[in-house]
């Protein structure tokens, strides 16, 4: 975990507002900690999901060596 992520995690643990938190989200609403953790536009739900997916895949490779993570879908543009 790099320094910025550590500071943010520490703030979240103790209920403090992380420094440098933007005032508005890309979806247009005011940004709060709860909004940042739940808004699908900001990407935090996807980041948390992907982290859990990767940890699970790493643990399962110890039991079954042919575990693979599905590739990310490309944009349709």
Protein backbone atom coordinates (compact mmCIF):
# COMPACT_ATOMS: atom_id res chain seq x y z
CA UNK A 1 0.00 0.00 0.00
CA UNK A 2 1.49 3.33 -0.98
CA UNK A 3 1.59 6.37 1.32
CA UNK A 4 -1.55 8.09 -0.03
CA UNK A 5 -3.65 4.93 0.21
CA UNK A 6 -2.38 4.32 3.74
CA UNK A 7 -3.32 7.85 4.84
CA UNK A 8 -6.77 7.49 3.26
CA UNK A 9 -7.32 4.11 4.93
CA UNK A 10 -6.25 5.56 8.28
CA UNK A 11 -8.70 8.46 7.89
CA UNK A 12 -11.54 6.09 6.98
CA UNK A 13 -10.75 3.85 9.95
CA UNK A 14 -11.01 6.75 12.42
CA UNK A 15 -13.91 8.53 10.71
CA UNK A 16 -11.88 11.50 9.49
CA UNK A 17 -12.32 13.11 6.09
CA UNK A 18 -9.32 12.25 3.91
CA UNK A 19 -7.28 15.24 2.73
CA UNK A 20 -7.59 16.19 -0.94
CA UNK A 21 -11.08 14.66 -1.27
CA UNK A 22 -12.72 16.32 -4.30
CA UNK A 23 -15.84 18.38 -3.61
CA UNK A 24 -17.85 16.98 -6.54
CA UNK A 25 -18.11 13.54 -8.10
CA UNK A 26 -17.96 12.87 -11.84
CA UNK A 27 -21.69 12.03 -11.65
CA UNK A 28 -22.35 15.65 -10.58
CA UNK A 29 -23.37 15.17 -6.95
CA UNK A 30 -21.55 16.46 -3.90
CA UNK A 31 -18.82 14.09 -2.84
CA UNK A 32 -18.88 12.62 0.64
CA UNK A 33 -17.03 9.60 1.94
CA UNK A 34 -20.16 7.45 1.73
CA UNK A 35 -20.85 8.65 -1.81
CA UNK A 36 -17.24 8.00 -2.87
CA UNK A 37 -17.39 4.43 -1.58
CA UNK A 38 -20.74 3.64 -3.23
CA UNK A 39 -20.95 5.66 -6.47
CA UNK A 40 -20.54 3.52 -9.57
CA UNK A 41 -19.18 6.49 -11.55
CA UNK A 42 -16.16 6.92 -9.29
CA UNK A 43 -14.95 3.36 -9.59
CA UNK A 44 -14.47 2.53 -5.90
CA UNK A 45 -16.99 -0.35 -5.90
CA UNK A 46 -15.16 -1.86 -8.88
CA UNK A 47 -11.77 -1.39 -7.21
CA UNK A 48 -12.97 -3.11 -4.04
CA UNK A 49 -14.51 -5.93 -6.08
CA UNK A 50 -11.34 -6.42 -8.14
CA UNK A 51 -9.14 -6.45 -5.04
CA UNK A 52 -11.30 -9.16 -3.46
CA UNK A 53 -11.37 -11.10 -6.76
CA UNK A 54 -7.57 -11.01 -7.02
CA UNK A 55 -7.03 -12.08 -3.41
CA UNK A 56 -9.48 -14.96 -3.84
CA UNK A 57 -7.78 -16.07 -7.07
CA UNK A 58 -4.35 -15.96 -5.40
CA UNK A 59 -5.55 -18.07 -2.48
CA UNK A 60 -7.28 -20.59 -4.73
CA UNK A 61 -4.14 -21.09 -6.85
CA UNK A 62 -2.58 -22.80 -3.83
CA UNK A 63 -5.27 -25.49 -4.07
CA UNK A 64 -5.97 -25.56 -7.78
CA UNK A 65 -3.12 -24.25 -9.98
CA UNK A 66 -5.23 -23.55 -13.08
CA UNK A 67 -7.31 -20.69 -11.57
CA UNK A 68 -7.68 -17.75 -13.96
CA UNK A 69 -9.18 -14.29 -13.54
CA UNK A 70 -11.54 -13.27 -16.33
CA UNK A 71 -10.09 -10.54 -18.56
CA UNK A 72 -11.53 -7.02 -18.43
CA UNK A 73 -14.05 -6.29 -21.16
CA UNK A 74 -13.01 -3.72 -23.75
CA UNK A 75 -15.10 -0.63 -24.50
CA UNK A 76 -17.64 -0.96 -27.31
CA UNK A 77 -16.62 2.24 -29.07
